[in-house]
Protein backbone atom coordinates (compact mmCIF):
# COMPACT_ATOMS: atom_id res chain seq x y z
CA MET A 1 -4.19 29.58 1.75
CA SER A 2 -2.94 26.49 -0.08
CA SER A 3 -4.00 22.99 0.86
CA LEU A 4 -1.91 19.91 1.54
CA ASN A 5 -2.89 16.35 0.68
CA GLN A 6 -0.18 14.05 1.94
CA VAL A 7 -0.27 10.92 4.07
CA VAL A 8 2.36 8.56 5.48
CA LEU A 9 1.28 5.13 6.72
CA SER A 10 3.15 2.15 8.09
CA GLY A 11 1.63 -1.31 8.30
CA ARG A 12 1.51 -4.81 6.91
CA VAL A 13 0.57 -5.80 3.36
CA ALA A 14 -2.66 -7.65 2.66
CA SER A 15 -4.05 -8.80 -0.71
CA PRO A 16 -1.24 -7.69 -3.07
CA GLU A 17 -2.16 -7.86 -6.77
CA LEU A 18 -0.97 -6.47 -10.08
CA LYS A 19 -3.72 -5.16 -12.32
CA THR A 20 -3.26 -4.61 -16.04
CA LEU A 21 -5.40 -1.86 -17.50
CA ALA A 22 -6.97 -1.82 -20.95
CA SER A 23 -4.23 0.63 -21.99
CA GLY A 24 -1.60 -2.02 -21.16
CA SER A 25 -0.32 -0.05 -18.16
CA SER A 26 0.04 -1.74 -14.77
CA VAL A 27 -1.09 -0.72 -11.29
CA PHE A 28 0.00 -2.48 -8.10
CA HIS A 29 -2.89 -2.63 -5.62
CA PHE A 30 -2.76 -3.82 -2.03
CA ARG A 31 -4.39 -3.19 1.31
CA LEU A 32 -2.28 -1.93 4.20
CA ALA A 33 -3.24 -3.14 7.69
CA VAL A 34 -2.57 -0.19 10.00
CA ASP A 35 -2.86 -0.40 13.79
CA GLN A 36 -4.79 2.23 15.75
CA TYR A 37 -3.97 2.14 19.43
CA SER A 38 -6.30 3.64 22.02
CA LYS A 39 -7.02 3.30 25.72
CA ASP A 40 -9.83 0.87 24.81
CA GLY A 41 -7.56 -1.49 22.91
CA ASN A 42 -6.16 -2.01 19.45
CA ASP A 43 -8.08 -1.61 16.18
CA VAL A 44 -6.78 -2.51 12.74
CA PHE A 45 -7.77 -0.47 9.69
CA PHE A 46 -7.30 -1.70 6.13
CA ILE A 47 -6.38 1.09 3.71
CA ASP A 48 -6.41 0.55 -0.08
CA VAL A 49 -3.14 1.60 -1.74
CA ASP A 50 -2.40 1.96 -5.47
CA VAL A 51 1.01 2.38 -7.13
CA TRP A 52 0.37 3.81 -10.61
CA ASN A 53 3.92 4.12 -11.94
CA ALA A 54 3.99 1.01 -14.17
CA LYS A 55 7.70 0.27 -13.75
CA GLN A 56 7.52 0.68 -9.97
CA ALA A 57 4.23 -1.28 -9.81
CA GLU A 58 5.68 -4.29 -11.63
CA ALA A 59 8.88 -4.29 -9.56
CA LEU A 60 6.99 -4.06 -6.27
CA TYR A 61 4.63 -6.87 -7.27
CA LYS A 62 7.62 -9.18 -7.68
CA ILE A 63 9.05 -8.49 -4.21
CA VAL A 64 6.20 -7.48 -1.88
CA THR A 65 4.48 -10.34 -0.09
CA LYS A 66 1.49 -10.64 2.20
CA GLY A 67 2.42 -9.69 5.77
CA MET A 68 5.48 -7.64 4.76
CA LYS A 69 5.82 -4.42 6.73
CA LEU A 70 5.93 -1.31 4.51
CA THR A 71 5.85 2.45 4.87
CA VAL A 72 3.86 4.26 2.20
CA ALA A 73 3.76 7.97 1.38
CA GLY A 74 1.25 9.47 -1.02
CA ASN A 75 -1.97 11.38 -1.53
CA LEU A 76 -5.48 10.62 -0.37
CA LYS A 77 -7.99 9.90 -3.10
CA TYR A 78 -11.75 10.12 -2.50
CA GLN A 79 -14.06 7.94 -4.58
CA LYS A 80 -17.85 8.06 -4.65
CA TRP A 81 -20.14 5.68 -6.57
CA GLU A 82 -23.55 4.06 -6.58
CA ASP A 83 -23.79 0.31 -5.93
CA LYS A 84 -26.09 -2.15 -7.73
CA GLU A 85 -28.90 -1.47 -5.26
CA GLY A 86 -28.69 2.28 -5.84
CA ASN A 87 -27.00 3.11 -2.53
CA GLU A 88 -24.34 5.81 -2.49
CA ARG A 89 -20.96 4.45 -1.46
CA SER A 90 -17.63 6.17 -0.86
CA LYS A 91 -14.12 5.47 0.34
CA PHE A 92 -10.70 7.00 0.74
CA SER A 93 -7.62 5.30 -0.68
CA VAL A 94 -3.96 6.23 -1.06
CA VAL A 95 -2.18 6.86 -4.35
CA ALA A 96 1.40 6.00 -3.39
CA SER A 97 4.28 8.16 -4.52
CA GLN A 98 6.84 6.32 -2.37
CA VAL A 99 6.96 2.81 -0.91
CA ASP A 100 9.73 2.01 1.57
CA LEU A 101 10.71 -1.64 1.87
CA PRO A 102 12.27 -3.08 5.03
CA PRO A 103 16.07 -3.18 4.94
CA LYS A 104 17.50 -6.54 3.95
CA GLY A 105 18.00 -8.73 7.01
CA SER A 106 16.16 -6.36 9.34
CA LYS A 107 14.00 -7.57 12.19
CA THR A 108 10.38 -6.60 12.58
CA ASP A 109 8.63 -5.56 15.77
CA ASP A 110 7.49 -9.19 16.03
CA ASP A 111 11.17 -10.21 16.16
CA GLU A 112 10.85 -12.17 12.91
CA GLN A 113 13.70 -12.23 10.47
CA VAL A 114 12.69 -10.46 7.27
CA LYS A 115 14.06 -12.15 4.17
CA PRO A 116 13.16 -10.02 1.17
CA ALA A 117 12.99 -11.90 -2.12
CA TYR A 118 14.85 -9.17 -3.96
CA SER A 119 18.27 -7.77 -4.54
CA ASP A 120 19.25 -4.13 -4.87
CA ASN A 121 19.42 -4.60 -8.66
CA ASP A 122 15.72 -5.55 -8.83
CA ILE A 123 14.51 -2.12 -7.70
CA PRO A 124 14.25 0.39 -10.58
CA PHE A 125 13.75 3.48 -8.41
């Protein structure tokens, strides 16, 4: 039996940043605030997302802003490490293979007008 590691999330961007690695390559990192609805109320989870394709990472960094609603598809990545106090820590994050931007001029579920700071020519993918 083969396994499948694929996730699709939709939420709002928090803490977008472009990191440059020692190799000179770029990675676009952000947290995605995802709502979890239940009978007890609404919880928000923050999921770390990385875009490793340098060209895509740099283009997204120029146009994605805090609070923008995105849909992300990718694979789960599990990381385990030891902190400074010697405690074992771990987390899941998403390595994005696809990031869908809101259509130009679309309205969000909050009925706000979305005004992307990009044109179709800015997106290299």
